[in-house]
PDB file of N, CA and C in Angstrom:
ATOM      1  N   MET A   1      11.507   2.710  -9.514  1.00  0.00           N
ATOM      2  CA  MET A   1      10.300   3.159  -8.856  1.00  0.00           C
ATOM      3  C   MET A   1       9.659   1.987  -8.108  1.00  0.00           C
ATOM      4  N   ALA A   2       9.144   2.243  -6.917  1.00  0.00           N
ATOM      5  CA  ALA A   2       8.519   1.208  -6.100  1.00  0.00           C
ATOM      6  C   ALA A   2       7.217   0.738  -6.741  1.00  0.00           C
ATOM      7  N   LYS A   3       6.850  -0.498  -6.455  1.00  0.00           N
ATOM      8  CA  LYS A   3       5.598  -1.046  -6.965  1.00  0.00           C
ATOM      9  C   LYS A   3       4.412  -0.338  -6.319  1.00  0.00           C
ATOM     10  N   LEU A   4       3.339  -0.242  -7.078  1.00  0.00           N
ATOM     11  CA  LEU A   4       2.113   0.346  -6.554  1.00  0.00           C
ATOM     12  C   LEU A   4       1.294  -0.742  -5.882  1.00  0.00           C
ATOM     13  N   VAL A   5       0.733  -0.413  -4.705  1.00  0.00           N
ATOM     14  CA  VAL A   5      -0.023  -1.396  -3.930  1.00  0.00           C
ATOM     15  C   VAL A   5      -1.309  -0.808  -3.382  1.00  0.00           C
ATOM     16  N   HIS A   6      -2.252  -1.702  -3.088  1.00  0.00           N
ATOM     17  CA  HIS A   6      -3.407  -1.423  -2.248  1.00  0.00           C
ATOM     18  C   HIS A   6      -3.069  -2.082  -0.919  1.00  0.00           C
ATOM     19  N   ALA A   7      -3.711  -1.663   0.166  1.00  0.00           N
ATOM     20  CA  ALA A   7      -3.394  -2.244   1.468  1.00  0.00           C
ATOM     21  C   ALA A   7      -4.657  -2.430   2.293  1.00  0.00           C
ATOM     22  N   ALA A   8      -4.556  -3.353   3.250  1.00  0.00           N
ATOM     23  CA  ALA A   8      -5.654  -3.588   4.183  1.00  0.00           C
ATOM     24  C   ALA A   8      -5.065  -3.956   5.537  1.00  0.00           C
ATOM     25  N   VAL A   9      -5.790  -3.593   6.583  1.00  0.00           N
ATOM     26  CA  VAL A   9      -5.464  -4.027   7.943  1.00  0.00           C
ATOM     27  C   VAL A   9      -6.624  -4.903   8.367  1.00  0.00           C
ATOM     28  N   GLY A  10      -6.354  -6.187   8.480  1.00  0.00           N
ATOM     29  CA  GLY A  10      -7.451  -7.128   8.706  1.00  0.00           C
ATOM     30  C   GLY A  10      -8.378  -7.078   7.507  1.00  0.00           C
ATOM     31  N   GLU A  11      -9.646  -6.827   7.742  1.00  0.00           N
ATOM     32  CA  GLU A  11     -10.642  -6.741   6.673  1.00  0.00           C
ATOM     33  C   GLU A  11     -10.866  -5.318   6.189  1.00  0.00           C
ATOM     34  N   LYS A  12     -10.242  -4.337   6.844  1.00  0.00           N
ATOM     35  CA  LYS A  12     -10.478  -2.927   6.521  1.00  0.00           C
ATOM     36  C   LYS A  12      -9.474  -2.422   5.486  1.00  0.00           C
ATOM     37  N   LYS A  13      -9.992  -1.896   4.381  1.00  0.00           N
ATOM     38  CA  LYS A  13      -9.167  -1.336   3.310  1.00  0.00           C
ATOM     39  C   LYS A  13      -8.518  -0.035   3.789  1.00  0.00           C
ATOM     40  N   VAL A  14      -7.230   0.151   3.510  1.00  0.00           N
ATOM     41  CA  VAL A  14      -6.526   1.375   3.888  1.00  0.00           C
ATOM     42  C   VAL A  14      -6.777   2.447   2.829  1.00  0.00           C
ATOM     43  N   GLN A  15      -7.183   3.631   3.291  1.00  0.00           N
ATOM     44  CA  GLN A  15      -7.348   4.786   2.420  1.00  0.00           C
ATOM     45  C   GLN A  15      -6.555   5.937   3.013  1.00  0.00           C
ATOM     46  N   CYS A  16      -6.054   6.813   2.174  1.00  0.00           N
ATOM     47  CA  CYS A  16      -5.273   7.955   2.619  1.00  0.00           C
ATOM     48  C   CYS A  16      -6.113   8.846   3.541  1.00  0.00           C
ATOM     49  N   LEU A  17      -5.518   9.257   4.641  1.00  0.00           N
ATOM     50  CA  LEU A  17      -6.202  10.132   5.599  1.00  0.00           C
ATOM     51  C   LEU A  17      -6.424  11.539   5.054  1.00  0.00           C
ATOM     52  N   ILE A  18      -5.653  11.939   4.058  1.00  0.00           N
ATOM     53  CA  ILE A  18      -5.747  13.292   3.514  1.00  0.00           C
ATOM     54  C   ILE A  18      -6.691  13.358   2.321  1.00  0.00           C
ATOM     55  N   CYS A  19      -6.460  12.511   1.314  1.00  0.00           N
ATOM     56  CA  CYS A  19      -7.231  12.643   0.069  1.00  0.00           C
ATOM     57  C   CYS A  19      -8.183  11.484  -0.206  1.00  0.00           C
ATOM     58  N   GLY A  20      -8.105  10.423   0.593  1.00  0.00           N
ATOM     59  CA  GLY A  20      -8.989   9.279   0.391  1.00  0.00           C
ATOM     60  C   GLY A  20      -8.507   8.303  -0.669  1.00  0.00           C
ATOM     61  N   GLY A  21      -7.324   8.536  -1.239  1.00  0.00           N
ATOM     62  CA  GLY A  21      -6.771   7.632  -2.247  1.00  0.00           C
ATOM     63  C   GLY A  21      -6.509   6.248  -1.681  1.00  0.00           C
ATOM     64  N   ASP A  22      -6.419   5.258  -2.562  1.00  0.00           N
ATOM     65  CA  ASP A  22      -6.180   3.891  -2.092  1.00  0.00           C
ATOM     66  C   ASP A  22      -5.036   3.196  -2.825  1.00  0.00           C
ATOM     67  N   VAL A  23      -4.220   3.972  -3.543  1.00  0.00           N
ATOM     68  CA  VAL A  23      -3.042   3.417  -4.217  1.00  0.00           C
ATOM     69  C   VAL A  23      -1.802   4.040  -3.577  1.00  0.00           C
ATOM     70  N   PHE A  24      -0.862   3.177  -3.186  1.00  0.00           N
ATOM     71  CA  PHE A  24       0.314   3.617  -2.448  1.00  0.00           C
ATOM     72  C   PHE A  24       1.587   3.028  -3.044  1.00  0.00           C
ATOM     73  N   ARG A  25       2.719   3.666  -2.746  1.00  0.00           N
ATOM     74  CA  ARG A  25       4.039   3.076  -2.949  1.00  0.00           C
ATOM     75  C   ARG A  25       4.502   2.628  -1.572  1.00  0.00           C
ATOM     76  N   GLU A  26       5.105   1.453  -1.488  1.00  0.00           N
ATOM     77  CA  GLU A  26       5.528   0.905  -0.197  1.00  0.00           C
ATOM     78  C   GLU A  26       7.035   1.005  -0.050  1.00  0.00           C
ATOM     79  N   ARG A  27       7.501   1.297   1.177  1.00  0.00           N
ATOM     80  CA  ARG A  27       8.938   1.258   1.463  1.00  0.00           C
ATOM     81  C   ARG A  27       9.151   1.057   2.957  1.00  0.00           C
ATOM     82  N   GLU A  28      10.310   0.519   3.299  1.00  0.00           N
ATOM     83  CA  GLU A  28      10.687   0.344   4.703  1.00  0.00           C
ATOM     84  C   GLU A  28      11.173   1.687   5.236  1.00  0.00           C
ATOM     85  N   VAL A  29      10.764   2.012   6.462  1.00  0.00           N
ATOM     86  CA  VAL A  29      11.148   3.271   7.100  1.00  0.00           C
ATOM     87  C   VAL A  29      11.772   2.940   8.453  1.00  0.00           C
ATOM     88  N   LYS A  30      12.982   3.452   8.711  1.00  0.00           N
ATOM     89  CA  LYS A  30      13.631   3.261  10.009  1.00  0.00           C
ATOM     90  C   LYS A  30      13.074   4.259  11.013  1.00  0.00           C
ATOM     91  N   LEU A  31      12.776   3.791  12.215  1.00  0.00           N
ATOM     92  CA  LEU A  31      12.266   4.649  13.286  1.00  0.00           C
ATOM     93  C   LEU A  31      13.430   4.980  14.217  1.00  0.00           C
ATOM     94  N   ASN A  32      14.266   5.908  13.787  1.00  0.00           N
ATOM     95  CA  ASN A  32      15.482   6.238  14.525  1.00  0.00           C
ATOM     96  C   ASN A  32      15.172   6.944  15.843  1.00  0.00           C
ATOM     97  N   SER A  33      15.965   6.610  16.851  1.00  0.00           N
ATOM     98  CA  SER A  33      15.847   7.265  18.151  1.00  0.00           C
ATOM     99  C   SER A  33      17.155   7.992  18.464  1.00  0.00           C
ATOM    100  N   THR A  34      17.068   9.034  19.241  1.00  0.00           N
ATOM    101  CA  THR A  34      18.236   9.844  19.567  1.00  0.00           C
ATOM    102  C   THR A  34      19.324   9.019  20.254  1.00  0.00           C
ATOM    103  N   GLY A  35      18.924   8.193  21.206  1.00  0.00           N
ATOM    104  CA  GLY A  35      19.901   7.388  21.949  1.00  0.00           C
ATOM    105  C   GLY A  35      20.680   6.446  21.055  1.00  0.00           C
ATOM    106  N   MET A  36      19.971   5.768  20.155  1.00  0.00           N
ATOM    107  CA  MET A  36      20.639   4.830  19.262  1.00  0.00           C
ATOM    108  C   MET A  36      21.554   5.570  18.282  1.00  0.00           C
ATOM    109  N   GLU A  37      21.135   6.741  17.825  1.00  0.00           N
ATOM    110  CA  GLU A  37      21.976   7.559  16.933  1.00  0.00           C
ATOM    111  C   GLU A  37      23.245   7.997  17.668  1.00  0.00           C
ATOM    112  N   LEU A  38      23.093   8.402  18.934  1.00  0.00           N
ATOM    113  CA  LEU A  38      24.211   8.882  19.728  1.00  0.00           C
ATOM    114  C   LEU A  38      25.309   7.828  19.850  1.00  0.00           C
ATOM    115  N   PHE A  39      24.902   6.558  19.992  1.00  0.00           N
ATOM    116  CA  PHE A  39      25.866   5.479  20.165  1.00  0.00           C
ATOM    117  C   PHE A  39      26.162   4.720  18.866  1.00  0.00           C
ATOM    118  N   ASN A  40      25.858   5.327  17.724  1.00  0.00           N
ATOM    119  CA  ASN A  40      26.099   4.711  16.412  1.00  0.00           C
ATOM    120  C   ASN A  40      25.419   3.357  16.253  1.00  0.00           C
ATOM    121  N   LEU A  41      24.223   3.213  16.818  1.00  0.00           N
ATOM    122  CA  LEU A  41      23.480   1.965  16.727  1.00  0.00           C
ATOM    123  C   LEU A  41      22.174   2.129  15.947  1.00  0.00           C
ATOM    124  N   ALA A  42      22.116   3.110  15.071  1.00  0.00           N
ATOM    125  CA  ALA A  42      20.891   3.383  14.321  1.00  0.00           C
ATOM    126  C   ALA A  42      20.434   2.166  13.522  1.00  0.00           C
ATOM    127  N   TRP A  43      21.360   1.337  13.095  1.00  0.00           N
ATOM    128  CA  TRP A  43      21.019   0.136  12.328  1.00  0.00           C
ATOM    129  C   TRP A  43      20.108  -0.801  13.119  1.00  0.00           C
ATOM    130  N   ALA A  44      20.136  -0.711  14.452  1.00  0.00           N
ATOM    131  CA  ALA A  44      19.346  -1.611  15.294  1.00  0.00           C
ATOM    132  C   ALA A  44      17.953  -1.069  15.611  1.00  0.00           C
ATOM    133  N   ASN A  45      17.629   0.119  15.149  1.00  0.00           N
ATOM    134  CA  ASN A  45      16.308   0.686  15.405  1.00  0.00           C
ATOM    135  C   ASN A  45      15.226  -0.131  14.716  1.00  0.00           C
ATOM    136  N   GLU A  46      14.030  -0.024  15.260  1.00  0.00           N
ATOM    137  CA  GLU A  46      12.870  -0.706  14.704  1.00  0.00           C
ATOM    138  C   GLU A  46      12.515  -0.112  13.334  1.00  0.00           C
ATOM    139  N   SER A  47      11.897  -0.918  12.495  1.00  0.00           N
ATOM    140  CA  SER A  47      11.447  -0.464  11.185  1.00  0.00           C
ATOM    141  C   SER A  47       9.929  -0.449  11.127  1.00  0.00           C
ATOM    142  N   ALA A  48       9.398   0.326  10.204  1.00  0.00           N
ATOM    143  CA  ALA A  48       7.969   0.377   9.945  1.00  0.00           C
ATOM    144  C   ALA A  48       7.763   0.241   8.445  1.00  0.00           C
ATOM    145  N   THR A  49       6.557  -0.096   8.065  1.00  0.00           N
ATOM    146  CA  THR A  49       6.196  -0.091   6.653  1.00  0.00           C
ATOM    147  C   THR A  49       5.591   1.263   6.343  1.00  0.00           C
ATOM    148  N   GLY A  50       6.167   1.954   5.383  1.00  0.00           N
ATOM    149  CA  GLY A  50       5.642   3.249   4.973  1.00  0.00           C
ATOM    150  C   GLY A  50       4.823   3.087   3.706  1.00  0.00           C
ATOM    151  N   LEU A  51       3.607   3.609   3.718  1.00  0.00           N
ATOM    152  CA  LEU A  51       2.773   3.641   2.525  1.00  0.00           C
ATOM    153  C   LEU A  51       2.667   5.094   2.094  1.00  0.00           C
ATOM    154  N   ILE A  52       3.157   5.404   0.913  1.00  0.00           N
ATOM    155  CA  ILE A  52       3.167   6.770   0.395  1.00  0.00           C
ATOM    156  C   ILE A  52       2.024   6.900  -0.608  1.00  0.00           C
ATOM    157  N   CYS A  53       1.077   7.770  -0.314  1.00  0.00           N
ATOM    158  CA  CYS A  53      -0.087   7.937  -1.174  1.00  0.00           C
ATOM    159  C   CYS A  53       0.334   8.400  -2.567  1.00  0.00           C
ATOM    160  N   ARG A  54      -0.137   7.703  -3.582  1.00  0.00           N
ATOM    161  CA  ARG A  54       0.207   8.050  -4.963  1.00  0.00           C
ATOM    162  C   ARG A  54      -0.404   9.396  -5.365  1.00  0.00           C
ATOM    163  N   SER A  55      -1.558   9.737  -4.797  1.00  0.00           N
ATOM    164  CA  SER A  55      -2.250  10.968  -5.181  1.00  0.00           C
ATOM    165  C   SER A  55      -1.660  12.220  -4.549  1.00  0.00           C
ATOM    166  N   CYS A  56      -1.431  12.182  -3.221  1.00  0.00           N
ATOM    167  CA  CYS A  56      -1.023  13.414  -2.536  1.00  0.00           C
ATOM    168  C   CYS A  56       0.345  13.346  -1.867  1.00  0.00           C
ATOM    169  N   GLY A  57       0.937  12.140  -1.734  1.00  0.00           N
ATOM    170  CA  GLY A  57       2.261  12.010  -1.150  1.00  0.00           C
ATOM    171  C   GLY A  57       2.300  11.863   0.357  1.00  0.00           C
ATOM    172  N   TYR A  58       1.151  11.855   1.017  1.00  0.00           N
ATOM    173  CA  TYR A  58       1.125  11.690   2.476  1.00  0.00           C
ATOM    174  C   TYR A  58       1.689  10.317   2.838  1.00  0.00           C
ATOM    175  N   VAL A  59       2.504  10.254   3.902  1.00  0.00           N
ATOM    176  CA  VAL A  59       3.136   9.000   4.320  1.00  0.00           C
ATOM    177  C   VAL A  59       2.407   8.435   5.531  1.00  0.00           C
ATOM    178  N   HIS A  60       1.946   7.207   5.404  1.00  0.00           N
ATOM    179  CA  HIS A  60       1.301   6.476   6.493  1.00  0.00           C
ATOM    180  C   HIS A  60       2.306   5.455   7.011  1.00  0.00           C
ATOM    181  N   LEU A  61       2.450   5.322   8.323  1.00  0.00           N
ATOM    182  CA  LEU A  61       3.400   4.372   8.905  1.00  0.00           C
ATOM    183  C   LEU A  61       2.659   3.264   9.645  1.00  0.00           C
ATOM    184  N   PHE A  62       3.126   2.028   9.460  1.00  0.00           N
ATOM    185  CA  PHE A  62       2.540   0.873  10.128  1.00  0.00           C
ATOM    186  C   PHE A  62       3.663   0.068  10.764  1.00  0.00           C
ATOM    187  N   VAL A  63       3.538  -0.183  12.068  1.00  0.00           N
ATOM    188  CA  VAL A  63       4.511  -0.989  12.794  1.00  0.00           C
ATOM    189  C   VAL A  63       3.823  -2.282  13.202  1.00  0.00           C
ATOM    190  N   ARG A  64       4.481  -3.390  12.868  1.00  0.00           N
ATOM    191  CA  ARG A  64       3.930  -4.713  13.174  1.00  0.00           C
ATOM    192  C   ARG A  64       2.509  -4.833  12.624  1.00  0.00           C
ATOM    193  N   GLY A  65       1.725  -5.701  13.232  1.00  0.00           N
ATOM    194  CA  GLY A  65       0.317  -5.785  12.867  1.00  0.00           C
ATOM    195  C   GLY A  65       0.041  -6.595  11.624  1.00  0.00           C
ATOM    196  N   SER A  66      -1.190  -6.500  11.201  1.00  0.00           N
ATOM    197  CA  SER A  66      -1.662  -7.355  10.110  1.00  0.00           C
ATOM    198  C   SER A  66      -1.873  -6.576   8.817  1.00  0.00           C
ATOM    199  N   LEU A  67      -0.900  -5.771   8.438  1.00  0.00           N
ATOM    200  CA  LEU A  67      -0.972  -5.035   7.185  1.00  0.00           C
ATOM    201  C   LEU A  67      -0.752  -6.015   6.033  1.00  0.00           C
ATOM    202  N   THR A  68      -1.687  -6.022   5.102  1.00  0.00           N
ATOM    203  CA  THR A  68      -1.588  -6.875   3.923  1.00  0.00           C
ATOM    204  C   THR A  68      -1.529  -5.988   2.692  1.00  0.00           C
ATOM    205  N   LEU A  69      -0.593  -6.272   1.796  1.00  0.00           N
ATOM    206  CA  LEU A  69      -0.435  -5.490   0.586  1.00  0.00           C
ATOM    207  C   LEU A  69      -0.898  -6.287  -0.626  1.00  0.00           C
ATOM    208  N   TYR A  70      -1.553  -5.580  -1.559  1.00  0.00           N
ATOM    209  CA  TYR A  70      -2.039  -6.173  -2.798  1.00  0.00           C
ATOM    210  C   TYR A  70      -1.519  -5.360  -3.965  1.00  0.00           C
ATOM    211  N   ARG A  71      -1.072  -6.015  -4.991  1.00  0.00           N
ATOM    212  CA  ARG A  71      -0.546  -5.326  -6.174  1.00  0.00           C
ATOM    213  C   ARG A  71      -1.631  -4.479  -6.822  1.00  0.00           C
ATOM    214  N   ALA A  72      -1.283  -3.235  -7.154  1.00  0.00           N
ATOM    215  CA  ALA A  72      -2.199  -2.324  -7.854  1.00  0.00           C
ATOM    216  C   ALA A  72      -1.761  -2.215  -9.300  1.00  0.00           C
ATOM    217  N   GLU A  73      -2.687  -2.072 -10.188  1.00  0.00           N
ATOM    218  CA  GLU A  73      -2.368  -1.890 -11.610  1.00  0.00           C
ATOM    219  C   GLU A  73      -2.089  -0.428 -11.888  1.00  0.00           C
ATOM    220  N   GLY A  74      -1.171  -0.162 -12.809  1.00  0.00           N
ATOM    221  CA  GLY A  74      -0.953   1.211 -13.236  1.00  0.00           C
ATOM    222  C   GLY A  74       0.312   1.751 -12.779  1.00  0.00           C
TER     223      GLY A  74
END
Protein backbone atom coordinates (compact mmCIF):
# COMPACT_ATOMS: atom_id res chain seq x y z
CA MET A 1 0.00 0.00 0.00
CA ALA A 2 1.26 3.50 -0.85
CA LYS A 3 2.28 5.87 1.92
CA LEU A 4 -0.26 8.39 3.12
CA VAL A 5 0.67 12.03 2.51
CA HIS A 6 -0.48 15.61 2.94
CA ALA A 7 0.40 17.98 0.09
CA ALA A 8 0.92 21.65 -0.61
CA VAL A 9 1.50 23.80 -3.68
CA GLY A 10 3.70 26.63 -2.53
CA GLU A 11 2.13 27.80 0.73
CA LYS A 12 -1.37 26.52 -0.11
CA LYS A 13 -2.48 23.22 1.44
CA VAL A 14 -4.03 20.77 -1.06
CA GLN A 15 -7.55 19.60 -0.21
CA CYS A 16 -9.75 17.24 -2.20
CA LEU A 17 -12.03 19.07 -4.64
CA ILE A 18 -14.87 16.63 -3.91
CA CYS A 19 -14.90 15.96 -0.17
CA GLY A 20 -12.39 18.43 1.28
CA GLY A 21 -10.13 15.67 2.64
CA ASP A 22 -6.43 16.35 3.06
CA VAL A 23 -4.92 12.84 3.24
CA PHE A 24 -3.84 11.23 -0.03
CA ARG A 25 -2.01 8.24 -1.48
CA GLU A 26 0.63 9.29 -4.01
CA ARG A 27 1.58 7.54 -7.26
CA GLU A 28 3.16 8.32 -10.62
CA VAL A 29 0.66 8.54 -13.49
CA LYS A 30 1.65 8.32 -17.18
CA LEU A 31 -0.04 10.87 -19.45
CA ASN A 32 -0.32 8.68 -22.53
CA SER A 33 -1.04 10.21 -25.92
CA THR A 34 -2.55 8.47 -28.94
CA GLY A 35 0.41 9.26 -31.20
CA MET A 36 2.99 7.85 -28.81
CA GLU A 37 0.86 4.72 -28.24
CA LEU A 38 0.51 4.25 -32.02
CA PHE A 39 4.29 4.18 -32.47
CA ASN A 40 4.98 2.05 -29.35
CA LEU A 41 6.61 5.00 -27.58
CA ALA A 42 4.28 5.21 -24.58
CA TRP A 43 7.30 4.86 -22.27
CA ALA A 44 8.41 8.34 -23.40
CA ASN A 45 5.18 10.10 -22.41
CA GLU A 46 5.21 12.72 -19.69
CA SER A 47 4.37 11.71 -16.12
CA ALA A 48 2.30 13.43 -13.46
CA THR A 49 2.00 13.02 -9.72
CA GLY A 50 -1.36 11.54 -8.83
CA LEU A 51 -2.83 12.22 -5.40
CA ILE A 52 -5.67 9.81 -4.59
CA CYS A 53 -7.98 11.07 -1.86
CA ARG A 54 -8.09 8.63 1.05
CA SER A 55 -11.70 9.57 1.86
CA CYS A 56 -13.46 9.48 -1.51
CA GLY A 57 -10.93 8.15 -4.06
CA TYR A 58 -10.93 11.21 -6.34
CA VAL A 59 -7.65 11.48 -8.29
CA HIS A 60 -5.89 14.85 -8.51
CA LEU A 61 -3.10 15.22 -11.11
CA PHE A 62 -0.12 17.56 -10.84
CA VAL A 63 2.41 18.11 -13.63
CA ARG A 64 5.68 19.81 -12.77
CA GLY A 65 5.37 22.70 -10.36
CA SER A 66 6.04 23.07 -6.70
CA LEU A 67 4.04 20.20 -5.21
CA THR A 68 5.44 19.30 -1.80
CA LEU A 69 4.47 16.10 -0.01
CA TYR A 70 4.43 15.57 3.76
CA ARG A 71 4.08 12.23 5.52
CA ALA A 72 0.63 11.69 7.08
CA GLU A 73 0.06 9.53 10.13
CA GLY A 74 -2.37 6.64 9.99
